[in-house]
Protein backbone atom coordinates (compact mmCIF):
# COMPACT_ATOMS: atom_id res chain seq x y z
CA MET A 1 0.00 0.01 -0.03
CA ARG A 2 2.84 2.39 0.72
CA PHE A 3 4.12 1.75 -2.77
CA LEU A 4 0.68 2.59 -4.28
CA SER A 5 0.47 5.69 -2.12
CA PHE A 6 3.73 7.04 -3.42
CA ILE A 7 3.04 6.25 -7.07
CA SER A 8 -0.43 7.81 -6.88
CA SER A 9 0.86 11.00 -5.33
CA VAL A 10 3.65 11.39 -7.85
CA SER A 11 1.25 10.72 -10.73
CA LEU A 12 -1.11 13.47 -9.54
CA VAL A 13 1.76 15.93 -9.19
CA SER A 14 3.04 15.17 -12.68
CA PHE A 15 -0.44 15.61 -14.10
CA SER A 16 -1.08 18.85 -12.22
CA LEU A 17 2.07 20.41 -13.52
CA LEU A 18 1.27 19.99 -17.19
CA PHE A 19 1.61 23.80 -17.53
CA GLU A 20 5.37 23.19 -17.43
CA VAL A 21 5.25 20.96 -20.52
CA SER A 22 1.99 21.73 -22.22
CA GLU A 23 2.68 19.65 -25.33
CA SER A 24 3.49 15.94 -25.58
CA TRP A 25 7.13 15.00 -25.90
CA ALA A 26 6.21 12.73 -28.78
CA GLN A 27 4.98 15.78 -30.71
CA ASN A 28 8.17 17.82 -30.20
CA VAL A 29 10.37 16.45 -32.96
CA GLN A 30 13.32 18.38 -34.37
CA THR A 31 14.46 18.14 -37.98
CA ASP A 32 17.36 15.98 -36.77
CA GLY A 33 14.93 13.46 -35.30
CA ARG A 34 15.39 14.30 -31.62
CA THR A 35 12.30 14.66 -29.49
CA GLY A 36 11.73 17.54 -27.10
CA ASN A 37 14.25 18.19 -24.34
CA SER A 38 12.39 20.13 -21.69
CA ILE A 39 14.34 21.00 -18.57
CA THR A 40 12.90 19.38 -15.44
CA THR A 41 13.45 20.38 -11.81
CA ALA A 42 11.95 19.80 -8.40
CA VAL A 43 9.22 22.12 -7.06
CA PRO A 44 8.28 23.91 -10.35
CA PHE A 45 5.46 25.64 -8.50
CA LEU A 46 8.15 28.20 -7.55
CA LEU A 47 8.06 29.44 -11.15
CA ILE A 48 4.33 30.13 -11.28
CA GLY A 49 3.53 33.84 -11.41
CA PRO A 50 1.16 34.28 -8.50
CA ASP A 51 -0.28 37.68 -9.09
CA SER A 52 -2.88 39.09 -11.46
CA ARG A 53 -1.06 42.22 -12.52
CA ALA A 54 1.90 40.45 -14.08
CA GLY A 55 -0.44 37.63 -15.02
CA GLY A 56 -2.31 40.09 -17.22
CA MET A 57 0.97 41.16 -18.95
CA GLY A 58 2.15 37.76 -20.22
CA ASP A 59 3.81 36.95 -16.89
CA ALA A 60 6.26 39.84 -17.20
CA GLY A 61 7.03 41.61 -13.94
CA GLY A 62 10.78 41.98 -13.40
CA ALA A 63 10.98 45.71 -14.29
CA THR A 64 7.44 46.99 -13.98
CA SER A 65 6.69 49.62 -11.34
CA PRO A 66 6.92 48.18 -7.84
CA ASP A 67 3.91 46.66 -6.08
CA VAL A 68 3.14 44.38 -3.12
CA SER A 69 3.77 41.23 -5.18
CA SER A 70 7.29 42.20 -6.29
CA MET A 71 8.90 39.44 -4.21
CA HIS A 72 8.30 36.81 -6.91
CA TRP A 73 9.48 38.93 -9.85
CA ASN A 74 12.20 41.17 -8.43
CA PRO A 75 12.37 42.02 -4.71
CA ALA A 76 14.73 44.93 -5.39
CA LYS A 77 11.70 46.85 -6.74
CA TYR A 78 10.40 47.28 -3.19
CA ALA A 79 12.97 50.06 -2.63
CA PHE A 80 10.96 52.31 -4.94
CA CYS A 81 7.53 51.70 -3.40
CA GLU A 82 5.77 55.00 -2.78
CA ARG A 83 3.92 53.87 0.35
CA LYS A 84 5.16 52.98 3.84
CA ALA A 85 3.88 49.40 3.75
CA GLY A 86 1.58 47.07 1.89
CA VAL A 87 0.01 43.64 2.00
CA GLY A 88 -1.47 41.52 -0.80
CA LEU A 89 -3.35 38.26 -1.29
CA ASP A 90 -3.27 36.46 -4.64
CA TYR A 91 -5.31 33.43 -5.53
CA SER A 92 -5.33 31.22 -8.68
CA PRO A 93 -7.27 28.02 -9.39
CA TRP A 94 -5.28 25.75 -11.68
CA LEU A 95 -6.28 23.28 -14.43
CA ARG A 96 -10.04 24.02 -14.18
CA SER A 97 -10.35 23.29 -17.94
CA LEU A 98 -9.44 19.67 -17.18
CA GLY A 99 -12.28 19.35 -14.67
CA ILE A 100 -9.99 19.42 -11.61
CA GLN A 101 -11.55 21.61 -8.96
CA ASP A 102 -9.19 21.56 -6.01
CA ILE A 103 -5.72 22.49 -7.28
CA THR A 104 -4.97 26.06 -6.22
CA LEU A 105 -2.14 28.51 -5.63
CA ALA A 106 -2.33 31.07 -2.83
CA TYR A 107 0.20 33.81 -2.25
CA LEU A 108 0.39 36.24 0.66
CA SER A 109 3.02 39.02 0.51
CA GLY A 110 3.93 42.25 2.19
CA TYR A 111 6.59 44.90 2.63
CA TYR A 112 7.60 47.57 5.17
CA LYS A 113 9.88 50.49 4.50
CA ILE A 114 12.20 51.07 7.47
CA ASP A 115 13.31 54.36 5.94
CA ASP A 116 13.94 55.72 2.45
CA GLN A 117 16.95 53.50 2.00
CA GLN A 118 15.90 50.19 3.53
CA THR A 119 12.89 47.91 3.11
CA LEU A 120 11.87 44.52 4.47
CA ALA A 121 9.57 42.17 2.62
CA SER A 122 8.18 38.66 3.06
CA SER A 123 5.84 36.23 1.36
CA ILE A 124 4.20 32.82 1.76
CA ARG A 125 3.34 30.68 -1.25
CA TYR A 126 1.07 27.64 -0.82
CA PHE A 127 0.35 25.21 -3.65
CA SER A 128 -2.40 22.67 -2.95
CA LEU A 129 -2.62 19.63 -5.20
CA GLY A 130 -6.05 18.69 -4.03
CA GLU A 131 -7.28 15.48 -2.43
CA LEU A 132 -6.32 12.09 -3.73
CA THR A 133 -8.09 8.82 -2.91
CA PHE A 134 -5.78 5.81 -2.68
CA THR A 135 -6.84 2.37 -3.91
CA ASP A 136 -5.36 -1.07 -3.58
CA ASN A 137 -4.78 -3.60 -6.35
CA THR A 138 -8.51 -4.53 -6.38
CA GLY A 139 -9.63 -0.93 -6.76
CA GLN A 140 -10.89 -0.67 -3.20
CA ALA A 141 -10.36 2.79 -1.56
CA TYR A 142 -8.44 2.66 1.65
CA GLY A 143 -7.44 6.30 2.37
CA GLN A 144 -7.04 9.86 1.18
CA TYR A 145 -4.06 12.13 0.91
CA SER A 146 -3.61 15.83 0.16
CA PRO A 147 -0.22 16.62 -1.47
CA ASN A 148 0.94 20.19 -1.05
CA GLU A 149 4.00 22.40 -1.32
CA TYR A 150 4.88 25.73 0.21
CA ALA A 151 7.62 28.31 0.40
CA ILE A 152 8.31 31.08 2.92
CA ASP A 153 10.45 34.08 1.85
CA ALA A 154 12.12 37.00 3.64
CA SER A 155 13.99 39.76 1.87
CA TYR A 156 16.15 42.79 2.74
CA ILE A 157 16.23 45.57 0.15
CA ARG A 158 18.51 48.60 0.09
CA LYS A 159 18.53 51.63 -2.18
CA LEU A 160 22.16 52.14 -3.23
CA SER A 161 21.56 55.36 -5.10
CA GLU A 162 18.71 57.58 -6.23
CA TYR A 163 17.97 55.21 -9.15
CA PHE A 164 19.40 51.87 -8.19
CA SER A 165 18.60 49.22 -5.56
CA MET A 166 19.60 45.66 -4.63
CA ALA A 167 17.93 42.87 -2.73
CA ILE A 168 18.77 39.54 -1.19
CA ALA A 169 16.03 37.06 -0.25
CA ALA A 170 16.08 33.80 1.78
CA ARG A 171 13.61 31.04 1.11
CA PHE A 172 12.52 27.83 2.87
CA ILE A 173 10.79 25.30 0.67
CA HIS A 174 8.78 22.24 1.71
CA SER A 175 7.40 19.66 -0.77
CA ASN A 176 4.99 17.05 0.52
CA LEU A 177 4.07 14.89 -2.45
CA GLY A 178 3.52 11.66 -0.55
CA SER A 179 5.41 8.84 1.11
CA GLY A 180 6.18 5.26 0.26
CA ASN A 181 8.74 2.54 -0.20
CA ILE A 182 10.06 1.39 -3.55
CA SER A 183 12.74 -1.26 -3.81
CA THR A 184 13.62 -0.80 -0.13
CA ILE A 185 14.02 2.95 -0.60
CA ASP A 186 11.89 5.19 1.62
CA TYR A 187 10.37 8.32 0.02
CA ASN A 188 9.37 11.15 2.22
CA PRO A 189 8.52 14.88 2.04
CA GLY A 190 11.51 17.03 1.07
CA SER A 191 12.81 20.41 2.18
CA ALA A 192 15.32 22.85 0.81
CA PHE A 193 16.76 26.29 1.35
CA ALA A 194 17.35 28.91 -1.40
CA CYS A 195 18.15 32.56 -1.88
CA ASP A 196 17.58 35.26 -4.55
CA VAL A 197 19.87 38.10 -5.61
CA ALA A 198 18.23 40.97 -7.49
CA VAL A 199 18.93 44.50 -8.76
CA TYR A 200 16.62 47.21 -10.10
CA TYR A 201 17.16 50.52 -11.87
CA ASN A 202 14.40 53.15 -12.16
CA LYS A 203 14.67 56.68 -13.58
CA ASP A 204 12.36 59.38 -14.88
CA VAL A 205 13.36 60.68 -18.30
CA SER A 206 12.01 62.43 -21.41
CA LEU A 207 11.31 60.30 -24.50
CA PHE A 208 9.91 61.67 -27.76
CA ASN A 209 9.07 64.95 -25.93
CA THR A 210 7.01 62.93 -23.45
CA ASP A 211 7.53 62.41 -19.73
CA ALA A 212 8.58 58.79 -19.22
CA ASN A 213 10.22 56.31 -16.89
CA VAL A 214 12.76 53.68 -17.85
CA ALA A 215 13.55 50.68 -15.74
CA TRP A 216 15.48 47.43 -15.91
CA GLY A 217 16.06 44.60 -13.51
CA ALA A 218 17.81 41.30 -13.03
CA ASN A 219 16.96 38.54 -10.63
CA ILE A 220 18.58 35.17 -10.03
CA SER A 221 16.10 33.22 -7.95
CA ASN A 222 16.05 29.88 -6.16
CA ILE A 223 19.83 29.44 -5.73
CA GLY A 224 19.92 26.66 -3.15
CA THR A 225 20.24 23.15 -1.89
CA LYS A 226 18.81 20.26 -3.88
CA MET A 227 15.50 18.78 -3.04
CA GLN A 228 15.62 15.11 -1.81
CA TYR A 229 12.63 12.81 -1.48
CA GLY A 230 14.53 9.51 -1.36
CA THR A 231 18.14 8.83 -2.28
CA GLU A 232 18.02 10.98 -5.43
CA LYS A 233 18.58 14.76 -5.18
CA ASN A 234 16.95 17.13 -7.65
CA PHE A 235 17.82 20.72 -8.61
CA LEU A 236 15.65 23.57 -7.62
CA PRO A 237 14.39 25.77 -10.49
CA THR A 238 17.20 28.34 -10.35
CA ASN A 239 16.12 31.00 -12.77
CA LEU A 240 17.75 34.07 -14.38
CA ARG A 241 15.29 36.85 -15.25
CA LEU A 242 16.42 39.93 -17.21
CA SER A 243 13.78 42.62 -17.58
CA GLY A 244 13.16 46.02 -19.06
CA ALA A 245 10.25 48.48 -19.01
CA THR A 246 9.28 51.85 -20.31
CA THR A 247 6.34 53.93 -19.10
CA PHE A 248 5.05 56.91 -21.05
CA LYS A 249 3.12 59.49 -18.97
CA PHE A 250 1.07 61.33 -21.59
CA ASN A 251 -0.71 63.54 -19.07
CA GLU A 252 -2.02 63.45 -15.49
CA ALA A 253 -4.68 60.93 -16.42
CA ASN A 254 -3.13 58.60 -19.03
CA SER A 255 -0.03 56.39 -18.97
CA LEU A 256 1.11 53.40 -20.96
CA SER A 257 3.81 50.87 -19.98
CA LEU A 258 5.65 48.35 -22.15
CA THR A 259 7.67 45.59 -20.60
CA LEU A 260 9.75 42.55 -21.58
CA ASP A 261 11.13 39.66 -19.44
CA MET A 262 13.62 37.05 -20.61
CA ASN A 263 14.01 33.88 -18.50
CA LYS A 264 16.49 31.04 -18.53
CA LEU A 265 16.78 28.12 -16.07
CA LEU A 266 20.22 27.78 -14.62
CA VAL A 267 20.16 24.00 -14.16
CA PRO A 268 21.66 21.18 -16.24
CA THR A 269 20.09 20.23 -19.53
CA ASN A 270 19.37 16.52 -20.08
CA PRO A 271 21.91 14.93 -22.43
CA ILE A 272 21.13 12.39 -25.20
CA TYR A 273 21.46 8.75 -24.07
CA ASP A 274 21.83 5.55 -26.09
CA ASP A 275 19.81 2.40 -25.36
CA GLN A 276 22.33 1.34 -22.72
CA GLY A 277 22.05 4.60 -20.84
CA ASN A 278 25.39 5.99 -22.03
CA ILE A 279 25.67 9.69 -22.87
CA ILE A 280 26.02 10.30 -26.60
CA VAL A 281 25.83 14.08 -26.69
CA GLY A 282 25.77 16.56 -23.81
CA GLU A 283 27.09 16.51 -20.27
CA ASP A 284 26.40 14.38 -17.22
CA PRO A 285 23.66 16.21 -15.27
CA ASP A 286 24.98 14.90 -11.94
CA LYS A 287 26.58 18.13 -10.83
CA THR A 288 26.88 20.34 -7.81
CA VAL A 289 24.66 23.44 -7.68
CA PRO A 290 27.47 25.87 -8.68
CA GLU A 291 28.52 23.52 -11.50
CA GLY A 292 24.92 23.35 -12.66
CA ILE A 293 24.48 27.17 -12.67
CA PHE A 294 27.68 28.00 -14.59
CA GLY A 295 27.47 24.98 -16.86
CA SER A 296 23.89 25.76 -17.82
CA PHE A 297 25.09 28.22 -20.50
CA SER A 298 27.00 25.54 -22.43
CA ASP A 299 25.74 22.05 -21.58
CA ALA A 300 22.85 21.62 -24.05
CA PRO A 301 23.39 18.70 -26.41
CA GLY A 302 22.18 20.84 -29.26
CA GLY A 303 24.91 23.43 -28.71
CA PHE A 304 24.44 27.18 -28.77
CA LYS A 305 21.20 26.88 -30.75
CA GLU A 306 19.56 24.85 -28.02
CA GLU A 307 20.92 27.20 -25.38
CA LEU A 308 19.01 30.02 -27.10
CA GLN A 309 15.93 27.83 -27.24
CA GLU A 310 16.00 27.63 -23.43
CA ILE A 311 15.24 31.39 -23.15
CA ASN A 312 11.53 32.18 -22.88
CA PHE A 313 10.01 35.58 -23.47
CA ALA A 314 7.26 37.43 -21.73
CA THR A 315 6.01 40.81 -22.94
CA GLY A 316 3.15 43.01 -21.81
CA LEU A 317 1.30 46.33 -21.97
CA GLU A 318 -0.39 48.22 -19.17
CA TYR A 319 -2.62 51.26 -19.49
CA TRP A 320 -3.72 53.37 -16.52
CA TYR A 321 -6.53 55.89 -16.55
CA ASN A 322 -6.40 58.46 -13.82
CA ASP A 323 -4.64 55.96 -11.55
CA ILE A 324 -7.99 54.27 -11.08
CA ILE A 325 -8.61 51.81 -13.91
CA ALA A 326 -5.93 49.62 -15.52
CA LEU A 327 -6.14 47.50 -18.62
CA ARG A 328 -3.48 44.93 -19.45
CA THR A 329 -2.49 42.41 -22.08
CA GLY A 330 0.56 40.29 -22.87
CA TYR A 331 2.08 37.34 -24.57
CA PHE A 332 4.34 34.49 -23.31
CA TYR A 333 6.50 32.39 -25.63
CA GLU A 334 8.46 29.22 -24.94
CA ASN A 335 10.22 27.30 -27.71
CA PRO A 336 8.27 24.14 -28.80
CA TYR A 337 11.41 22.09 -28.17
CA LYS A 338 11.52 23.26 -24.57
CA GLY A 339 7.90 22.92 -23.51
CA ASN A 340 5.83 24.97 -26.00
CA ARG A 341 3.97 27.20 -23.54
CA GLN A 342 2.50 29.97 -25.69
CA TYR A 343 -0.35 32.07 -24.54
CA VAL A 344 -2.02 35.50 -24.56
CA THR A 345 -3.15 37.12 -21.37
CA LEU A 346 -5.71 39.79 -20.53
CA GLY A 347 -6.15 41.63 -17.30
CA ALA A 348 -7.73 44.63 -15.57
CA GLY A 349 -7.33 46.50 -12.30
CA LEU A 350 -9.40 48.82 -10.15
CA LYS A 351 -7.87 51.10 -7.53
CA TYR A 352 -9.76 52.99 -4.88
CA GLU A 353 -7.67 54.98 -2.43
CA ASP A 354 -5.55 52.39 -0.58
CA LEU A 355 -7.26 49.33 -2.06
CA CYS A 356 -6.58 47.64 -5.39
CA PHE A 357 -8.25 44.70 -7.05
CA ASP A 358 -6.76 42.91 -10.12
CA PHE A 359 -7.67 39.90 -12.18
CA SER A 360 -6.23 38.25 -15.25
CA TYR A 361 -7.30 35.63 -17.77
CA LEU A 362 -5.11 33.30 -19.87
CA ILE A 363 -5.85 32.34 -23.48
CA PRO A 364 -3.65 29.46 -24.72
CA GLY A 365 -2.28 29.40 -28.26
CA LYS A 366 -3.85 25.99 -28.91
CA GLN A 367 -7.14 24.39 -28.04
CA ASN A 368 -7.36 21.62 -25.40
CA ASN A 369 -4.53 23.20 -23.41
CA PRO A 370 -4.52 22.56 -19.63
CA LEU A 371 -3.79 26.31 -19.07
CA GLU A 372 -7.06 27.26 -20.79
CA LYS A 373 -9.37 29.52 -18.74
CA THR A 374 -6.74 30.13 -16.05
CA LEU A 375 -7.87 32.96 -13.80
CA ARG A 376 -5.86 34.89 -11.21
CA PHE A 377 -7.28 37.28 -8.59
CA SER A 378 -5.36 39.76 -6.42
CA LEU A 379 -6.38 42.05 -3.56
CA LEU A 380 -3.80 44.60 -2.44
CA PHE A 381 -3.82 47.10 0.37
CA ASN A 382 -1.26 49.93 0.92
CA PHE A 383 -0.56 51.89 4.11
CA GLY A 384 0.97 55.30 4.73
CA ARG A 385 0.99 58.53 2.89
CA LYS A 386 1.99 58.44 -0.82
CA LYS A 387 5.23 60.20 -1.72
CA SER A 388 4.70 63.52 -3.46
């Protein structure tokens, strides 16, 4: 029974994370005959954009104006928040188009500005994989289990100049996918520690005779220990995000922002094996964390071309009217050889004094996609007087 418990839990998790590889491997065939080579890691829930604002802009948020949910995208943005403090709650049901009703992501975040130079921020992310009924070999139910994962973050942010800030974040991750015994090996929930290092630049300028703001950011997230469930250790989804954004302020009532994020996982790429399990092309993925990070720029079996394919792009637009109503849209692209996530997003926001409500909607590039009809909701509250 313990064996069945473990297998059932892992099967559910694999199914629920179809958003990471939305197309079948068998359909991802290169001209040289190789099938898709998506990068896999432990705890991919850490890569899910939790908030509706970035969710409405194609999941681009590394260089947009700072908000309460900046911890996920770039914690260094908190240094430029205009309010003393803020808290936010984000909620997203997952895989509703597949008829699954109890897989959800919840995200609670907040920040507090110690002074104009220093800020503290924290967040809690909880990913519920629903309730699973276990059965024995005869199909008789004998118990239920609720797999879940969570992460707790804390960050210190410092403004190093009028336009530039830096942040470091610490993260505790717990993954409870089930327990069991396979071939005398015990499998149990796993835990890991990680950190983020981020920078952000933000400056008001004049572009095309229009008041504007330019910003860029960089964030290396989830640098940490490997996740271990049994004897095998798995890499965390260490990710490099490079971002840029420009906001045009046409007048007191109208502004338009354009943003772009580029992401690349800094973990080993799977090599090509022969029938005996020997590596034909590529490198042995059994590496230390530093080796995995630095080697991730040159270890793809397809060479430089495949390294470029590992970069995904997120771009978005955000329009604000009178700092009350926001309209958003965006597009996310991942190479078909590396997972083939491609979707358009729509979103809107409504701000009333200190309170802001956002929602977003995802439209996949192909029908019968598990991401179809994905909704995200956010409720944000800011404290303290706004800077003049």
